């Protein structure tokens, strides 16, 4: 079996490593001429970290990432709403890691090239079209030069048994099957993201979400090297909701942002234990993009073609689930292809197993997921509180946290006791 993977991001590279471990041949085709360590920070939840550990990447992750100790929700005055342990501290067999997206990308890329060979990840190949027969699928790629423009070389035609579309929220493959879908859906929120070097806050491994649905600040450390030096590389996201008819450019992880656009709204957010305006002002570079997703679709499976990752289920960055779900996609897909004789049956099984739960996460994130408790507190006690439990009960807080863990598939006991997804194709 040979698998064509379109897209060399987190999902595409995780898929390549998963297929290789399962004894299935594959090649990754990425449109950009060079894969670089771009982007700011992300969280990898324990169910995703488990899969990366089983792919042999645990030590590489631990060398650069922060094992998150706790998650804290606070209101816009800095008063704590909810606090819970995370990762190993919460009883999981695997940590939750806070890590630079670029570091994760390079860990996956280096492992893919080392294990599959230097030609297994082919950059400068932009997908343009596909055809299918009863025996396989053929993909056509346009060659891209160093500047990203179409090169003079003839298009490249590649044949395989399966094609995995891991080409992100603007998936060209997905557009082949849903041509009238249009642009991603914007919910009115704009995110400004950056990293700031500074002194550690709280435990030095804390993740904080403060504010409410219309204005929020999220931060957590992402550098093990700085942590070991007694410093912190603070990854942060400032979020403001605007009317949805406000014009904003198409989302791009690397579009520069200006602090003066949003800093005045956070000027008074000095909590004593966290100084939000100082963190914002100290960032060397800020990136801006609107928060978008897509509606769940009726199928990801089209005979020998399957959607995965953000090409299948782009979701709001709420609950730390986007990258984690893409990694789980990769492992489940490899498991199904390894344990089914007919690859088309394997793709249908993958669709049946993964599409319903991830569609539920997309919809849950539209309702603010576990962060909904921050909005409830804002509505019930906008000027703050003396006792959080006069505003929202302990049971309501615990149920919100547990409900989301169940929706997203990382209830501790269930994850710890689930059989491994390791499998070898016969």
Protein backbone atom coordinates (compact mmCIF):
# COMPACT_ATOMS: atom_id res chain seq x y z
CA UNK A 1 0.00 0.00 0.00
CA UNK A 2 1.17 3.52 -0.85
CA UNK A 3 -0.43 6.62 0.63
CA UNK A 4 -0.25 10.14 -0.78
CA UNK A 5 -0.36 12.79 1.97
CA UNK A 6 -1.24 16.32 0.90
CA UNK A 7 0.09 18.79 3.44
CA UNK A 8 3.21 18.82 5.60
CA UNK A 9 1.83 20.38 8.77
CA UNK A 10 1.20 18.74 12.13
CA UNK A 11 -1.47 16.39 10.79
CA UNK A 12 0.38 15.43 7.60
CA UNK A 13 3.67 14.68 9.35
CA UNK A 14 1.95 12.83 12.21
CA UNK A 15 0.15 10.75 9.60
CA UNK A 16 3.41 9.93 7.83
CA UNK A 17 5.05 8.81 11.09
CA UNK A 18 1.99 6.78 12.07
CA UNK A 19 1.79 5.04 8.69
CA UNK A 20 5.50 4.29 8.74
CA UNK A 21 5.23 2.67 12.16
CA UNK A 22 2.31 0.61 10.85
CA UNK A 23 4.40 -0.65 7.93
CA UNK A 24 2.60 1.41 5.27
CA UNK A 25 4.48 3.39 2.64
CA UNK A 26 3.72 7.07 2.17
CA UNK A 27 5.04 10.36 0.81
CA UNK A 28 4.17 13.87 2.00
CA UNK A 29 3.64 16.67 -0.54
CA UNK A 30 3.75 20.21 0.83
CA UNK A 31 3.03 23.39 -1.16
CA UNK A 32 5.53 25.74 0.50
CA UNK A 33 9.11 25.57 -0.79
CA UNK A 34 10.56 25.19 2.71
CA UNK A 35 9.07 24.02 6.01
CA UNK A 36 10.14 26.38 8.77
CA UNK A 37 9.58 26.72 12.51
CA UNK A 38 6.73 29.24 12.35
CA UNK A 39 3.87 30.11 14.68
CA UNK A 40 3.63 30.67 18.40
CA UNK A 41 2.50 28.28 21.14
CA UNK A 42 -0.01 25.44 21.33
CA UNK A 43 -1.10 22.88 23.91
CA UNK A 44 -0.94 19.15 23.39
CA UNK A 45 -3.48 17.37 25.59
CA UNK A 46 -2.63 14.00 27.20
CA UNK A 47 -4.55 11.96 24.61
CA UNK A 48 -2.40 13.49 21.84
CA UNK A 49 0.81 13.28 23.86
CA UNK A 50 0.11 9.57 24.36
CA UNK A 51 0.11 9.07 20.59
CA UNK A 52 3.32 11.04 20.12
CA UNK A 53 5.01 9.08 22.92
CA UNK A 54 3.97 5.83 21.23
CA UNK A 55 5.54 7.20 18.05
CA UNK A 56 8.82 7.52 19.98
CA UNK A 57 8.77 11.32 20.30
CA UNK A 58 8.32 11.64 24.07
CA UNK A 59 11.93 12.53 24.85
CA UNK A 60 12.13 15.08 22.03
CA UNK A 61 8.98 16.79 23.29
CA UNK A 62 10.09 16.78 26.92
CA UNK A 63 13.41 18.38 25.96
CA UNK A 64 11.75 21.57 24.65
CA UNK A 65 8.17 21.73 26.01
CA UNK A 66 6.65 22.64 29.36
CA UNK A 67 4.63 19.93 31.16
CA UNK A 68 1.57 21.95 32.11
CA UNK A 69 0.80 21.70 35.84
CA UNK A 70 -2.53 23.50 36.16
CA UNK A 71 -5.27 25.37 34.33
CA UNK A 72 -6.82 28.47 35.90
CA UNK A 73 -9.92 30.35 34.79
CA UNK A 74 -10.23 33.92 36.09
CA UNK A 75 -12.56 36.84 35.51
CA UNK A 76 -11.44 40.16 34.02
CA UNK A 77 -10.52 41.38 37.50
CA UNK A 78 -8.10 38.49 38.05
CA UNK A 79 -10.30 36.63 40.54
CA UNK A 80 -10.08 32.86 40.23
CA UNK A 81 -13.17 31.05 38.97
CA UNK A 82 -11.83 27.51 38.57
CA UNK A 83 -8.54 25.73 38.96
CA UNK A 84 -7.65 22.16 38.11
CA UNK A 85 -4.46 20.11 37.73
CA UNK A 86 -3.39 19.04 34.27
CA UNK A 87 -1.44 16.19 32.70
CA UNK A 88 0.51 14.00 35.10
CA UNK A 89 -0.68 16.17 38.00
CA UNK A 90 -4.28 15.24 37.09
CA UNK A 91 -3.67 11.47 37.12
CA UNK A 92 -3.01 10.93 33.41
CA UNK A 93 -0.26 8.54 32.40
CA UNK A 94 1.01 11.21 29.98
CA UNK A 95 1.72 14.91 30.44
CA UNK A 96 0.01 17.86 28.83
CA UNK A 97 2.67 19.80 26.94
CA UNK A 98 2.77 23.51 26.16
CA UNK A 99 5.09 23.92 23.20
CA UNK A 100 6.02 26.24 20.39
CA UNK A 101 4.19 25.23 17.21
CA UNK A 102 7.47 25.65 15.34
CA UNK A 103 9.31 23.31 17.74
CA UNK A 104 6.62 20.67 17.30
CA UNK A 105 6.72 21.06 13.52
CA UNK A 106 10.50 20.55 13.46
CA UNK A 107 10.34 17.52 15.79
CA UNK A 108 7.83 15.87 13.46
CA UNK A 109 9.72 16.88 10.31
CA UNK A 110 13.10 15.68 11.56
CA UNK A 111 11.61 12.36 12.65
CA UNK A 112 9.82 11.87 9.33
CA UNK A 113 12.96 12.52 7.29
CA UNK A 114 15.10 10.34 9.56
CA UNK A 115 12.69 7.38 9.51
CA UNK A 116 11.13 7.56 6.06
CA UNK A 117 14.09 9.00 4.16
CA UNK A 118 15.01 12.51 2.97
CA UNK A 119 12.68 12.33 -0.05
CA UNK A 120 9.61 11.33 1.95
CA UNK A 121 8.65 14.98 2.54
CA UNK A 122 8.60 16.85 -0.77
CA UNK A 123 8.20 20.60 -0.50
CA UNK A 124 7.28 22.97 -3.33
CA UNK A 125 4.45 20.66 -4.49
CA UNK A 126 1.04 22.37 -4.58
CA UNK A 127 -1.94 20.04 -5.06
CA UNK A 128 -4.12 20.91 -8.05
CA UNK A 129 -6.31 17.93 -8.96
CA UNK A 130 -7.05 14.24 -8.44
CA UNK A 131 -8.70 11.36 -10.26
CA UNK A 132 -9.78 7.97 -8.97
CA UNK A 133 -10.23 4.52 -10.46
CA UNK A 134 -11.13 1.19 -8.96
CA UNK A 135 -7.43 0.50 -8.44
CA UNK A 136 -6.16 3.74 -6.97
CA UNK A 137 -5.96 7.50 -6.92
CA UNK A 138 -3.81 9.88 -8.95
CA UNK A 139 -2.86 13.32 -7.64
CA UNK A 140 -1.41 16.17 -9.67
CA UNK A 141 0.94 18.72 -8.13
CA UNK A 142 2.23 22.01 -9.48
CA UNK A 143 5.89 22.67 -8.71
CA UNK A 144 6.64 25.81 -6.70
CA UNK A 145 9.88 27.78 -6.80
CA UNK A 146 11.75 29.28 -3.86
CA UNK A 147 9.54 32.37 -3.96
CA UNK A 148 6.38 30.30 -3.80
CA UNK A 149 5.38 31.01 -7.39
CA UNK A 150 4.58 28.30 -9.92
CA UNK A 151 7.75 26.94 -11.46
CA UNK A 152 8.30 26.26 -15.13
CA UNK A 153 8.61 22.52 -14.59
CA UNK A 154 5.81 20.25 -15.79
CA UNK A 155 3.18 19.21 -13.23
CA UNK A 156 3.97 16.09 -11.21
CA UNK A 157 1.52 13.17 -11.34
CA UNK A 158 1.61 10.70 -8.44
CA UNK A 159 -0.28 7.43 -8.03
CA UNK A 160 -1.26 5.76 -4.77
CA UNK A 161 -3.81 3.53 -3.09
CA UNK A 162 -5.09 6.26 -0.76
CA UNK A 163 -4.89 10.05 -0.62
CA UNK A 164 -4.98 11.82 2.76
CA UNK A 165 -5.95 15.50 2.62
CA UNK A 166 -4.07 17.17 5.50
CA UNK A 167 -3.84 20.55 3.82
CA UNK A 168 -5.52 22.68 6.46
CA UNK A 169 -8.53 24.92 6.81
CA UNK A 170 -8.19 26.15 3.21
CA UNK A 171 -7.85 22.59 1.92
CA UNK A 172 -7.69 22.42 -1.86
CA UNK A 173 -8.64 18.75 -1.71
CA UNK A 174 -11.74 19.46 0.39
CA UNK A 175 -12.77 22.10 -2.17
CA UNK A 176 -12.84 19.39 -4.84
CA UNK A 177 -15.68 17.68 -2.95
CA UNK A 178 -17.37 20.72 -1.38
CA UNK A 179 -16.92 23.37 -4.11
CA UNK A 180 -19.72 25.62 -2.86
CA UNK A 181 -18.64 25.73 0.78
CA UNK A 182 -17.09 29.19 0.61
CA UNK A 183 -14.71 30.82 3.04
CA UNK A 184 -14.27 29.78 6.66
CA UNK A 185 -16.86 31.16 9.09
CA UNK A 186 -15.79 34.07 11.30
CA UNK A 187 -17.39 34.41 14.74
CA UNK A 188 -16.41 38.06 15.25
CA UNK A 189 -13.38 37.39 17.46
CA UNK A 190 -9.90 38.57 16.54
CA UNK A 191 -6.86 36.99 18.16
CA UNK A 192 -3.50 38.68 18.69
CA UNK A 193 -0.79 36.17 19.50
CA UNK A 194 2.83 36.51 20.57
CA UNK A 195 5.52 35.27 22.93
CA UNK A 196 7.13 37.42 25.61
CA UNK A 197 10.19 36.52 27.67
CA UNK A 198 9.76 37.39 31.32
CA UNK A 199 9.64 36.21 34.90
CA UNK A 200 7.64 33.02 35.61
CA UNK A 201 4.12 33.45 36.97
CA UNK A 202 2.36 31.23 39.52
CA UNK A 203 3.89 27.71 39.34
CA UNK A 204 6.00 28.51 36.28
CA UNK A 205 3.98 25.80 34.52
CA UNK A 206 0.53 27.38 34.80
CA UNK A 207 -1.97 27.99 32.01
CA UNK A 208 -4.28 30.97 32.59
CA UNK A 209 -7.48 32.03 30.85
CA UNK A 210 -8.92 35.34 32.05
CA UNK A 211 -11.93 37.35 30.93
CA UNK A 212 -15.12 36.28 29.17
CA UNK A 213 -16.54 35.51 25.74
CA UNK A 214 -16.11 39.05 24.38
CA UNK A 215 -12.66 39.77 25.77
CA UNK A 216 -10.12 37.23 26.94
CA UNK A 217 -6.42 36.82 27.69
CA UNK A 218 -4.77 33.39 27.61
CA UNK A 219 -1.16 32.70 28.53
CA UNK A 220 1.19 29.82 29.34
CA UNK A 221 4.96 29.16 29.16
CA UNK A 222 6.34 27.16 26.23
CA UNK A 223 10.15 26.95 26.63
CA UNK A 224 11.82 24.25 28.72
CA UNK A 225 15.23 25.88 28.18
CA UNK A 226 14.15 29.21 29.68
CA UNK A 227 12.24 27.44 32.46
CA UNK A 228 15.42 25.65 33.48
CA UNK A 229 17.13 29.08 33.67
CA UNK A 230 14.44 30.46 35.99
CA UNK A 231 12.83 32.50 33.19
CA UNK A 232 9.71 32.02 31.09
CA UNK A 233 8.80 32.33 27.42
CA UNK A 234 5.16 33.31 27.83
CA UNK A 235 2.91 32.41 24.92
CA UNK A 236 -0.15 34.66 25.00
CA UNK A 237 -3.37 35.32 23.12
CA UNK A 238 -5.42 38.50 23.46
CA UNK A 239 -8.95 38.14 22.11
CA UNK A 240 -11.67 40.73 21.40
CA UNK A 241 -15.07 40.15 19.81
CA UNK A 242 -16.31 42.59 17.15
CA UNK A 243 -19.54 42.77 15.12
CA UNK A 244 -19.36 40.05 12.47
CA UNK A 245 -19.82 42.61 9.66
CA UNK A 246 -16.47 44.20 10.61
CA UNK A 247 -14.06 43.58 7.70
CA UNK A 248 -10.96 41.56 8.56
CA UNK A 249 -8.40 39.97 6.23
CA UNK A 250 -8.23 36.23 5.71
CA UNK A 251 -6.58 34.45 8.65
CA UNK A 252 -2.85 33.91 8.52
CA UNK A 253 -0.64 32.71 11.37
CA UNK A 254 2.08 35.12 10.26
CA UNK A 255 0.26 38.42 9.61
CA UNK A 256 1.80 41.18 11.76
CA UNK A 257 -0.43 42.82 14.36
CA UNK A 258 -0.19 46.15 16.21
CA UNK A 259 -0.48 46.24 20.01
CA UNK A 260 -2.09 49.67 19.91
CA UNK A 261 -5.09 48.10 18.19
CA UNK A 262 -6.09 46.15 21.31
CA UNK A 263 -3.82 47.13 24.24
CA UNK A 264 -6.16 49.90 25.50
CA UNK A 265 -8.84 47.27 26.16
CA UNK A 266 -6.44 45.41 28.49
CA UNK A 267 -4.80 48.45 30.08
CA UNK A 268 -6.30 47.78 33.54
CA UNK A 269 -5.67 44.01 33.57
CA UNK A 270 -2.92 44.00 36.19
CA UNK A 271 -3.93 41.23 38.59
CA UNK A 272 -0.90 41.43 40.85
CA UNK A 273 -0.01 37.84 40.07
CA UNK A 274 -0.15 38.55 36.31
CA UNK A 275 0.44 41.90 34.57
CA UNK A 276 -1.29 41.59 31.21
CA UNK A 277 -0.40 45.02 29.72
CA UNK A 278 3.30 44.59 30.60
CA UNK A 279 3.35 41.18 28.90
CA UNK A 280 1.73 42.62 25.78
CA UNK A 281 4.06 45.62 25.60
CA UNK A 282 7.20 43.45 25.95
CA UNK A 283 6.43 41.22 22.96
CA UNK A 284 8.97 41.65 20.13
CA UNK A 285 6.42 40.68 17.44
CA UNK A 286 2.65 40.20 17.42
CA UNK A 287 0.52 38.23 14.95
CA UNK A 288 -3.17 38.77 14.22
CA UNK A 289 -5.91 36.66 12.72
CA UNK A 290 -9.69 36.27 13.00
CA UNK A 291 -11.11 33.22 14.79
CA UNK A 292 -12.70 30.98 12.18
CA UNK A 293 -13.94 27.45 11.67
CA UNK A 294 -16.13 25.52 9.23
CA UNK A 295 -19.45 23.74 9.59
CA UNK A 296 -19.23 19.95 10.09
CA UNK A 297 -19.74 18.09 6.82
CA UNK A 298 -21.66 14.85 6.16
CA UNK A 299 -18.59 12.84 5.20
CA UNK A 300 -14.80 13.06 5.06
CA UNK A 301 -14.52 9.93 2.93
CA UNK A 302 -14.64 9.89 -0.87
CA UNK A 303 -13.78 6.36 -1.99
CA UNK A 304 -9.95 6.40 -1.76
CA UNK A 305 -9.66 9.99 -0.50
CA UNK A 306 -9.99 11.01 3.15
CA UNK A 307 -9.94 14.39 4.89
CA UNK A 308 -8.03 14.72 8.16
CA UNK A 309 -6.93 17.41 10.61
CA UNK A 310 -8.01 20.96 9.86
CA UNK A 311 -9.02 19.91 6.36
CA UNK A 312 -11.70 17.77 8.00
CA UNK A 313 -12.65 19.58 11.20
CA UNK A 314 -11.26 23.11 11.58
CA UNK A 315 -12.31 24.39 15.00
CA UNK A 316 -11.97 27.44 17.22
CA UNK A 317 -8.82 27.36 19.40
CA UNK A 318 -10.85 26.68 22.52
CA UNK A 319 -10.12 23.82 24.88
CA UNK A 320 -6.64 23.25 23.39
CA UNK A 321 -7.97 20.70 20.92
CA UNK A 322 -7.04 21.62 17.33
CA UNK A 323 -3.57 20.10 17.04
CA UNK A 324 -4.42 17.32 19.48
CA UNK A 325 -7.33 16.09 17.37
CA UNK A 326 -5.17 16.15 14.23
CA UNK A 327 -2.59 13.90 15.88
CA UNK A 328 -5.29 11.47 16.98
CA UNK A 329 -6.66 11.47 13.42
CA UNK A 330 -3.25 10.37 12.19
CA UNK A 331 -2.99 7.45 14.58
CA UNK A 332 -6.55 6.20 14.09
CA UNK A 333 -6.19 6.42 10.31
CA UNK A 334 -2.97 4.37 10.37
CA UNK A 335 -4.60 1.81 12.67
CA UNK A 336 -7.57 1.36 10.33
CA UNK A 337 -5.39 1.07 7.23
CA UNK A 338 -3.16 -1.47 8.98
CA UNK A 339 -6.01 -3.67 10.19
CA UNK A 340 -8.30 -3.71 7.13
CA UNK A 341 -7.64 -5.56 3.89
CA UNK A 342 -9.57 -3.04 1.78
CA UNK A 343 -8.26 0.53 2.11
CA UNK A 344 -11.66 1.92 1.14
CA UNK A 345 -13.26 0.07 4.04
CA UNK A 346 -10.54 1.43 6.32
CA UNK A 347 -11.32 5.01 5.26
CA UNK A 348 -15.03 4.49 5.89
CA UNK A 349 -14.27 3.08 9.33
CA UNK A 350 -12.03 6.07 10.09
CA UNK A 351 -14.80 8.44 9.00
CA UNK A 352 -17.36 6.65 11.15
CA UNK A 353 -15.10 6.67 14.20
CA UNK A 354 -13.61 10.16 14.01
CA UNK A 355 -16.14 12.44 12.29
CA UNK A 356 -18.99 12.35 14.85
CA UNK A 357 -16.87 13.13 17.94
CA UNK A 358 -14.80 15.84 16.27
CA UNK A 359 -17.94 17.44 14.82
CA UNK A 360 -19.23 17.55 18.39
CA UNK A 361 -16.05 19.33 19.49
CA UNK A 362 -16.41 21.90 16.69
CA UNK A 363 -19.94 22.69 17.92
CA UNK A 364 -18.93 22.63 21.60
CA UNK A 365 -16.15 25.13 20.88
CA UNK A 366 -18.68 27.45 19.24
CA UNK A 367 -20.40 27.48 22.62
CA UNK A 368 -17.06 28.34 24.31
CA UNK A 369 -16.49 24.75 25.44
CA UNK A 370 -15.24 24.57 29.04
CA UNK A 371 -14.57 28.33 28.96
CA UNK A 372 -18.31 28.98 29.11
CA UNK A 373 -17.99 29.26 32.90
CA UNK A 374 -16.04 32.51 32.40
CA UNK A 375 -18.96 34.01 30.49
CA UNK A 376 -21.48 32.84 33.08
CA UNK A 377 -19.49 34.55 35.84
CA UNK A 378 -19.24 37.75 33.78
CA UNK A 379 -23.00 37.78 33.28
CA UNK A 380 -23.80 36.99 36.93
CA UNK A 381 -21.11 39.09 38.62
CA UNK A 382 -19.64 41.63 36.19
CA UNK A 383 -18.05 43.69 38.98
CA UNK A 384 -16.44 40.69 40.66
CA UNK A 385 -17.29 38.58 43.70
CA UNK A 386 -16.30 37.82 47.28
CA UNK A 387 -17.05 34.09 47.05
CA UNK A 388 -17.15 32.36 43.65
CA UNK A 389 -19.62 29.77 44.91
CA UNK A 390 -22.25 32.47 45.48
CA UNK A 391 -22.00 33.11 41.74
CA UNK A 392 -21.58 29.61 40.32
CA UNK A 393 -21.70 26.32 42.20
CA UNK A 394 -18.81 23.90 42.53
CA UNK A 395 -20.98 21.29 40.86
CA UNK A 396 -21.62 23.52 37.84
CA UNK A 397 -17.90 24.19 37.47
CA UNK A 398 -16.95 20.53 37.79
CA UNK A 399 -19.64 19.44 35.35
CA UNK A 400 -18.48 21.93 32.71
CA UNK A 401 -14.91 20.61 32.96
CA UNK A 402 -15.92 16.94 32.96
CA UNK A 403 -18.41 17.36 30.13
CA UNK A 404 -15.80 18.83 27.82
CA UNK A 405 -13.23 16.16 28.67
CA UNK A 406 -15.82 13.55 27.75
CA UNK A 407 -16.70 15.32 24.48
CA UNK A 408 -13.06 15.72 23.51
CA UNK A 409 -12.02 12.20 24.54
CA UNK A 410 -9.58 12.79 27.39
CA UNK A 411 -11.29 11.51 30.51
CA UNK A 412 -8.31 10.27 32.59
CA UNK A 413 -9.39 6.69 33.41
CA UNK A 414 -10.75 6.05 29.91
CA UNK A 415 -7.56 7.30 28.28
CA UNK A 416 -5.23 5.50 30.69
CA UNK A 417 -7.01 2.17 30.13
CA UNK A 418 -7.63 2.38 26.38
CA UNK A 419 -5.66 -0.13 24.26
CA UNK A 420 -2.82 1.23 22.16
CA UNK A 421 -3.43 2.23 18.54
CA UNK A 422 -0.18 0.58 17.48
CA UNK A 423 -0.74 -1.90 14.64
CA UNK A 424 1.28 -3.46 11.81
CA UNK A 425 -0.13 -4.10 8.39
CA UNK A 426 -0.03 -7.78 7.53
